[in-house]
N, C-alpha and C. Protein backbone atom coordinates (compact mmCIF):
# COMPACT_ATOMS: atom_id res chain seq x y z
N MET A 1 66.20 120.66 82.34
CA MET A 1 67.36 121.27 82.96
C MET A 1 68.59 120.89 82.15
N ALA A 2 69.38 121.85 81.81
CA ALA A 2 70.62 121.60 81.09
C ALA A 2 71.69 121.16 82.07
N THR A 3 72.62 120.35 81.58
CA THR A 3 73.70 119.89 82.43
C THR A 3 75.03 120.04 81.71
N THR A 4 76.07 120.25 82.47
CA THR A 4 77.41 120.31 81.90
C THR A 4 78.16 119.00 82.13
N LEU A 5 77.50 118.06 82.77
CA LEU A 5 78.12 116.77 83.03
C LEU A 5 78.34 116.02 81.72
N LYS A 6 79.57 115.62 81.48
CA LYS A 6 79.90 114.93 80.24
C LYS A 6 80.13 113.45 80.52
N LYS A 7 79.63 112.61 79.63
CA LYS A 7 79.85 111.18 79.74
C LYS A 7 81.32 110.89 79.49
N GLY A 8 81.80 109.80 80.08
CA GLY A 8 83.20 109.44 79.87
C GLY A 8 83.38 107.93 79.95
N PRO A 9 84.53 107.44 79.51
CA PRO A 9 84.79 106.01 79.56
C PRO A 9 85.33 105.58 80.93
N LEU A 10 85.05 104.35 81.29
CA LEU A 10 85.64 103.71 82.46
C LEU A 10 86.53 102.60 81.94
N GLN A 11 87.81 102.65 82.27
CA GLN A 11 88.72 101.58 81.87
C GLN A 11 89.01 100.72 83.09
N VAL A 12 88.77 99.43 82.96
CA VAL A 12 89.04 98.48 84.03
C VAL A 12 90.20 97.60 83.57
N SER A 13 91.25 97.55 84.38
CA SER A 13 92.42 96.74 84.07
C SER A 13 92.63 95.71 85.17
N ILE A 14 92.86 94.48 84.76
CA ILE A 14 93.18 93.41 85.69
C ILE A 14 94.54 92.87 85.30
N THR A 15 95.48 92.89 86.24
CA THR A 15 96.83 92.40 85.97
C THR A 15 97.11 91.20 86.86
N GLU A 16 97.57 90.14 86.23
CA GLU A 16 97.97 88.92 86.94
C GLU A 16 99.47 88.76 86.76
N THR A 17 100.20 88.67 87.87
CA THR A 17 101.64 88.43 87.80
C THR A 17 101.98 87.24 88.67
N TYR A 18 102.89 86.44 88.19
CA TYR A 18 103.31 85.27 88.95
C TYR A 18 104.66 84.80 88.44
N THR A 19 105.32 83.99 89.25
CA THR A 19 106.58 83.37 88.87
C THR A 19 106.38 81.87 88.87
N LEU A 20 106.74 81.25 87.77
CA LEU A 20 106.59 79.81 87.61
C LEU A 20 107.90 79.25 87.08
N ASN A 21 108.49 78.32 87.84
CA ASN A 21 109.75 77.70 87.45
C ASN A 21 110.84 78.73 87.22
N GLY A 22 110.86 79.78 88.09
CA GLY A 22 111.87 80.81 88.02
C GLY A 22 111.64 81.86 86.94
N ARG A 23 110.57 81.76 86.20
CA ARG A 23 110.29 82.71 85.13
C ARG A 23 109.07 83.56 85.51
N GLU A 24 109.22 84.89 85.37
CA GLU A 24 108.12 85.79 85.70
C GLU A 24 107.16 85.90 84.53
N HIS A 25 105.87 85.92 84.87
CA HIS A 25 104.81 86.06 83.88
C HIS A 25 103.90 87.20 84.30
N SER A 26 103.34 87.89 83.31
CA SER A 26 102.41 88.97 83.60
C SER A 26 101.39 89.06 82.45
N VAL A 27 100.11 89.12 82.82
CA VAL A 27 99.04 89.26 81.83
C VAL A 27 98.13 90.38 82.31
N THR A 28 97.83 91.32 81.42
CA THR A 28 96.91 92.41 81.73
C THR A 28 95.75 92.36 80.76
N THR A 29 94.54 92.39 81.31
CA THR A 29 93.32 92.45 80.51
C THR A 29 92.67 93.80 80.76
N LYS A 30 92.32 94.49 79.67
CA LYS A 30 91.70 95.80 79.80
C LYS A 30 90.35 95.79 79.09
N THR A 31 89.37 96.40 79.74
CA THR A 31 88.05 96.57 79.16
C THR A 31 87.64 98.02 79.34
N VAL A 32 87.03 98.59 78.31
CA VAL A 32 86.57 99.98 78.39
C VAL A 32 85.05 99.97 78.29
N TYR A 33 84.41 100.63 79.25
CA TYR A 33 82.96 100.82 79.26
C TYR A 33 82.70 102.27 78.89
N GLU A 34 82.04 102.47 77.76
CA GLU A 34 81.81 103.82 77.23
C GLU A 34 80.58 104.48 77.87
N ASP A 35 80.54 105.80 77.75
CA ASP A 35 79.38 106.63 78.12
C ASP A 35 78.97 106.53 79.58
N ILE A 36 79.94 106.35 80.47
CA ILE A 36 79.63 106.31 81.91
C ILE A 36 79.26 107.72 82.36
N ARG A 37 78.15 107.80 83.08
CA ARG A 37 77.65 109.10 83.54
C ARG A 37 77.54 109.16 85.06
N GLN A 38 77.40 108.00 85.70
CA GLN A 38 77.26 107.98 87.16
C GLN A 38 78.16 106.91 87.75
N THR A 39 78.78 107.24 88.88
CA THR A 39 79.52 106.24 89.65
C THR A 39 79.14 106.37 91.12
N SER A 40 79.26 105.27 91.81
CA SER A 40 79.00 105.25 93.24
C SER A 40 79.99 104.31 93.89
N SER A 41 80.60 104.74 94.97
CA SER A 41 81.53 103.90 95.71
C SER A 41 81.21 104.05 97.19
N ARG A 42 81.04 102.93 97.87
CA ARG A 42 80.75 102.99 99.30
C ARG A 42 81.31 101.76 99.99
N ILE A 43 81.54 101.91 101.29
CA ILE A 43 81.99 100.80 102.12
C ILE A 43 80.87 100.48 103.10
N VAL A 44 80.53 99.20 103.19
CA VAL A 44 79.43 98.73 104.02
C VAL A 44 79.93 97.62 104.92
N THR A 45 79.51 97.65 106.20
CA THR A 45 79.82 96.54 107.11
C THR A 45 78.73 95.50 106.97
N ILE A 46 79.13 94.27 106.64
CA ILE A 46 78.20 93.19 106.37
C ILE A 46 78.11 92.28 107.60
N PRO A 47 76.91 92.08 108.15
CA PRO A 47 76.75 91.19 109.31
C PRO A 47 76.71 89.72 108.88
N THR A 48 76.86 88.85 109.86
CA THR A 48 76.79 87.41 109.56
C THR A 48 75.38 86.98 109.19
N ALA A 49 74.38 87.77 109.53
CA ALA A 49 72.99 87.47 109.13
C ALA A 49 72.72 87.87 107.69
N GLY A 50 73.65 88.61 107.06
CA GLY A 50 73.48 89.03 105.68
C GLY A 50 72.83 90.40 105.57
N LEU A 51 73.01 91.03 104.42
CA LEU A 51 72.47 92.36 104.18
C LEU A 51 72.23 92.52 102.68
N GLN A 52 71.02 92.93 102.32
CA GLN A 52 70.74 93.23 100.92
C GLN A 52 71.39 94.58 100.64
N VAL A 53 72.42 94.59 99.79
CA VAL A 53 73.21 95.80 99.58
C VAL A 53 72.78 96.59 98.37
N LEU A 54 72.10 95.95 97.40
CA LEU A 54 71.69 96.66 96.18
C LEU A 54 70.34 96.17 95.71
N ASP A 55 69.55 97.11 95.19
CA ASP A 55 68.27 96.82 94.53
C ASP A 55 68.36 97.29 93.10
N PHE A 56 67.73 96.55 92.21
CA PHE A 56 67.70 96.93 90.81
C PHE A 56 66.27 96.95 90.31
N ASP A 57 66.00 97.89 89.43
CA ASP A 57 64.69 98.04 88.82
C ASP A 57 64.92 98.08 87.32
N ASN A 58 63.92 97.78 86.55
CA ASN A 58 64.09 97.79 85.11
C ASN A 58 64.27 99.18 84.52
N THR A 59 63.76 100.20 85.20
CA THR A 59 63.75 101.52 84.56
C THR A 59 64.17 102.68 85.44
N VAL A 60 64.17 102.54 86.75
CA VAL A 60 64.31 103.70 87.63
C VAL A 60 65.66 103.72 88.34
N ASP A 61 66.33 104.87 88.31
CA ASP A 61 67.49 105.13 89.14
C ASP A 61 67.02 106.01 90.29
N SER A 62 67.22 105.57 91.52
CA SER A 62 66.88 106.39 92.67
C SER A 62 67.87 106.07 93.78
N ALA A 63 67.73 106.71 94.92
CA ALA A 63 68.67 106.50 96.02
C ALA A 63 68.73 105.03 96.41
N GLY A 64 69.91 104.42 96.26
CA GLY A 64 70.08 103.03 96.64
C GLY A 64 69.52 102.02 95.67
N GLU A 65 68.93 102.49 94.57
CA GLU A 65 68.36 101.58 93.58
C GLU A 65 68.84 102.01 92.20
N TYR A 66 69.15 101.01 91.38
CA TYR A 66 69.72 101.28 90.06
C TYR A 66 68.90 100.58 89.00
N ALA A 67 68.80 101.18 87.82
CA ALA A 67 68.18 100.52 86.68
C ALA A 67 69.16 99.47 86.18
N ASP A 68 68.78 98.19 86.23
CA ASP A 68 69.72 97.12 85.91
C ASP A 68 70.30 97.26 84.50
N ALA A 69 69.52 97.76 83.55
CA ALA A 69 70.00 97.90 82.18
C ALA A 69 71.03 99.02 82.03
N ASP A 70 71.08 99.95 83.00
CA ASP A 70 72.02 101.07 82.93
C ASP A 70 73.38 100.74 83.53
N VAL A 71 73.46 99.74 84.40
CA VAL A 71 74.72 99.42 85.07
C VAL A 71 75.64 98.71 84.08
N ARG A 72 76.84 99.26 83.93
CA ARG A 72 77.82 98.66 83.02
C ARG A 72 78.88 97.86 83.76
N PHE A 73 79.14 98.24 85.02
CA PHE A 73 80.19 97.57 85.79
C PHE A 73 79.86 97.67 87.27
N LEU A 74 80.06 96.56 87.97
CA LEU A 74 79.85 96.50 89.42
C LEU A 74 80.95 95.65 90.02
N ARG A 75 81.58 96.18 91.08
CA ARG A 75 82.62 95.43 91.79
C ARG A 75 82.27 95.38 93.27
N ILE A 76 82.32 94.18 93.84
CA ILE A 76 82.17 94.00 95.28
C ILE A 76 83.48 93.42 95.78
N THR A 77 84.16 94.15 96.67
CA THR A 77 85.47 93.74 97.18
C THR A 77 85.37 93.46 98.68
N ASN A 78 85.84 92.29 99.08
CA ASN A 78 85.90 91.91 100.48
C ASN A 78 87.14 92.55 101.09
N LEU A 79 86.96 93.52 101.98
CA LEU A 79 88.07 94.24 102.59
C LEU A 79 88.61 93.56 103.84
N ASP A 80 88.00 92.45 104.27
CA ASP A 80 88.42 91.77 105.48
C ASP A 80 89.78 91.10 105.28
N ASP A 81 90.53 90.96 106.38
CA ASP A 81 91.85 90.31 106.33
C ASP A 81 91.76 88.80 106.45
N ASP A 82 90.68 88.28 107.03
CA ASP A 82 90.62 86.84 107.33
C ASP A 82 89.38 86.13 106.80
N ASN A 83 88.22 86.74 106.92
CA ASN A 83 86.96 86.05 106.66
C ASN A 83 86.47 86.19 105.23
N PHE A 84 85.73 85.19 104.77
CA PHE A 84 85.11 85.28 103.45
C PHE A 84 83.71 85.85 103.58
N ILE A 85 83.20 86.30 102.44
CA ILE A 85 81.81 86.73 102.33
C ILE A 85 81.14 85.87 101.26
N THR A 86 79.82 85.86 101.25
CA THR A 86 79.06 85.17 100.22
C THR A 86 78.18 86.19 99.51
N VAL A 87 78.23 86.19 98.18
CA VAL A 87 77.42 87.08 97.36
C VAL A 87 76.33 86.26 96.71
N GLN A 88 75.07 86.71 96.82
CA GLN A 88 73.92 86.00 96.26
C GLN A 88 73.03 86.98 95.52
N THR A 89 72.58 86.61 94.33
CA THR A 89 71.67 87.46 93.57
C THR A 89 70.26 86.89 93.61
N ALA A 90 69.29 87.77 93.38
CA ALA A 90 67.89 87.36 93.19
C ALA A 90 67.45 87.87 91.84
N GLY A 91 66.47 87.21 91.25
CA GLY A 91 65.97 87.58 89.94
C GLY A 91 66.24 86.49 88.94
N THR A 92 66.17 86.85 87.67
CA THR A 92 66.43 85.90 86.60
C THR A 92 67.47 86.51 85.67
N PRO A 93 68.66 85.96 85.53
CA PRO A 93 69.09 84.70 86.13
C PRO A 93 69.55 84.92 87.57
N THR A 94 69.47 83.88 88.37
CA THR A 94 70.02 83.91 89.72
C THR A 94 71.40 83.28 89.68
N ILE A 95 72.38 84.01 90.17
CA ILE A 95 73.74 83.48 90.24
C ILE A 95 73.86 82.74 91.56
N PRO A 96 74.34 81.49 91.54
CA PRO A 96 74.47 80.74 92.80
C PRO A 96 75.34 81.50 93.81
N ALA A 97 75.10 81.26 95.08
CA ALA A 97 75.89 81.91 96.13
C ALA A 97 77.37 81.68 95.84
N THR A 98 78.13 82.77 95.86
CA THR A 98 79.54 82.72 95.49
C THR A 98 80.38 83.20 96.67
N ARG A 99 81.38 82.41 97.04
CA ARG A 99 82.28 82.76 98.14
C ARG A 99 83.39 83.66 97.62
N ILE A 100 83.59 84.79 98.33
CA ILE A 100 84.64 85.75 97.99
C ILE A 100 85.61 85.78 99.17
N THR A 101 86.82 85.30 98.95
CA THR A 101 87.80 85.23 100.02
C THR A 101 88.28 86.61 100.43
N ALA A 102 88.93 86.69 101.59
CA ALA A 102 89.46 87.95 102.12
C ALA A 102 90.36 88.61 101.08
N GLY A 103 90.12 89.89 100.83
CA GLY A 103 90.94 90.65 99.90
C GLY A 103 90.59 90.47 98.44
N SER A 104 89.61 89.65 98.13
CA SER A 104 89.25 89.38 96.73
C SER A 104 88.02 90.18 96.30
N SER A 105 87.80 90.21 94.99
CA SER A 105 86.68 90.95 94.41
C SER A 105 85.83 90.06 93.53
N PHE A 106 84.57 90.47 93.35
CA PHE A 106 83.64 89.82 92.44
C PHE A 106 83.14 90.90 91.49
N LEU A 107 83.22 90.63 90.19
CA LEU A 107 82.87 91.62 89.18
C LEU A 107 81.62 91.20 88.42
N PHE A 108 80.76 92.18 88.13
CA PHE A 108 79.59 91.99 87.29
C PHE A 108 79.69 92.98 86.14
N SER A 109 79.31 92.55 84.94
CA SER A 109 79.21 93.50 83.83
C SER A 109 77.85 93.43 83.14
N ASP A 110 77.00 92.52 83.56
CA ASP A 110 75.65 92.42 83.00
C ASP A 110 74.68 92.07 84.12
N LEU A 111 73.85 93.02 84.48
CA LEU A 111 72.91 92.81 85.58
C LEU A 111 71.47 92.67 85.10
N ASP A 112 71.29 92.53 83.80
CA ASP A 112 69.96 92.45 83.23
C ASP A 112 69.17 91.30 83.87
N GLY A 113 68.04 91.62 84.50
CA GLY A 113 67.19 90.62 85.13
C GLY A 113 67.48 90.38 86.60
N ILE A 114 68.62 90.85 87.10
CA ILE A 114 68.92 90.69 88.53
C ILE A 114 68.16 91.77 89.29
N THR A 115 67.45 91.37 90.35
CA THR A 115 66.63 92.33 91.09
C THR A 115 67.28 92.81 92.39
N SER A 116 68.19 92.02 92.95
CA SER A 116 68.87 92.45 94.17
C SER A 116 70.14 91.62 94.39
N ILE A 117 71.02 92.16 95.23
CA ILE A 117 72.24 91.45 95.63
C ILE A 117 72.33 91.49 97.14
N THR A 118 72.53 90.32 97.74
CA THR A 118 72.69 90.18 99.18
C THR A 118 74.09 89.65 99.47
N VAL A 119 74.72 90.21 100.50
CA VAL A 119 76.05 89.78 100.91
C VAL A 119 75.96 89.32 102.36
N THR A 120 76.63 88.20 102.65
CA THR A 120 76.64 87.63 103.99
C THR A 120 78.08 87.41 104.43
N ALA A 121 78.41 87.83 105.66
CA ALA A 121 79.74 87.58 106.22
C ALA A 121 79.77 86.20 106.85
N ASP A 122 80.95 85.58 106.86
CA ASP A 122 81.09 84.23 107.38
C ASP A 122 80.96 84.18 108.90
N SER A 123 82.04 84.36 109.64
CA SER A 123 82.00 84.16 111.09
C SER A 123 82.05 85.46 111.89
N ASP A 124 82.44 86.55 111.27
CA ASP A 124 82.47 87.87 111.89
C ASP A 124 82.04 88.89 110.84
N PRO A 125 81.51 90.05 111.27
CA PRO A 125 81.17 91.08 110.29
C PRO A 125 82.38 91.46 109.44
N CYS A 126 82.13 91.77 108.18
CA CYS A 126 83.19 92.12 107.22
C CYS A 126 82.84 93.42 106.53
N ASP A 127 83.85 94.24 106.27
CA ASP A 127 83.66 95.43 105.46
C ASP A 127 83.82 95.05 104.00
N VAL A 128 82.94 95.59 103.15
CA VAL A 128 83.04 95.38 101.71
C VAL A 128 82.96 96.74 101.03
N GLU A 129 83.63 96.86 99.89
CA GLU A 129 83.51 98.04 99.06
C GLU A 129 82.67 97.69 97.86
N ILE A 130 81.72 98.57 97.55
CA ILE A 130 80.85 98.38 96.39
C ILE A 130 81.07 99.56 95.46
N PHE A 131 81.44 99.26 94.21
CA PHE A 131 81.64 100.28 93.19
C PHE A 131 80.74 99.99 92.01
N ILE A 132 79.98 101.01 91.56
CA ILE A 132 79.05 100.86 90.46
C ILE A 132 79.31 101.98 89.45
N ALA A 133 79.32 101.61 88.17
CA ALA A 133 79.40 102.59 87.09
C ALA A 133 78.21 102.35 86.17
N SER A 134 77.49 103.44 85.84
CA SER A 134 76.29 103.28 85.02
C SER A 134 76.12 104.43 84.04
N VAL A 135 75.25 104.19 83.09
CA VAL A 135 74.85 105.21 82.13
C VAL A 135 73.40 105.56 82.45
N GLU A 136 72.92 106.66 81.92
CA GLU A 136 71.51 107.01 82.11
C GLU A 136 70.69 106.34 81.04
N ALA A 137 69.45 106.00 81.39
CA ALA A 137 68.52 105.42 80.42
C ALA A 137 68.10 106.45 79.41
């Protein structure tokens, strides 16, 4: 099947601004991920018992599952105003459980070997946004 879908770049910019000793500072870091063909953005309510939010496979892209080698960028943002969430990966390498405070994000740019990601809310359910950008195998 022919497609008219064209690959494109994803530019991710992170800007840090602060005032120290009366002087304003600003630093912007930009990264470009080339040949992005698929993106997915969704908001999920995470229970305190935890929820496996993503599955990865070495080769297959399907509903709710991504080929780990195709993912170029993944962001998990805690949308809650008060509570933290914990992000935990399975696979090799396993990233230790990481606390993400209210309003903060956790970024991944290399998911090779990770088989799943589970998110757990602290004391009350929390909404999180998950954004994924990938290329086709």
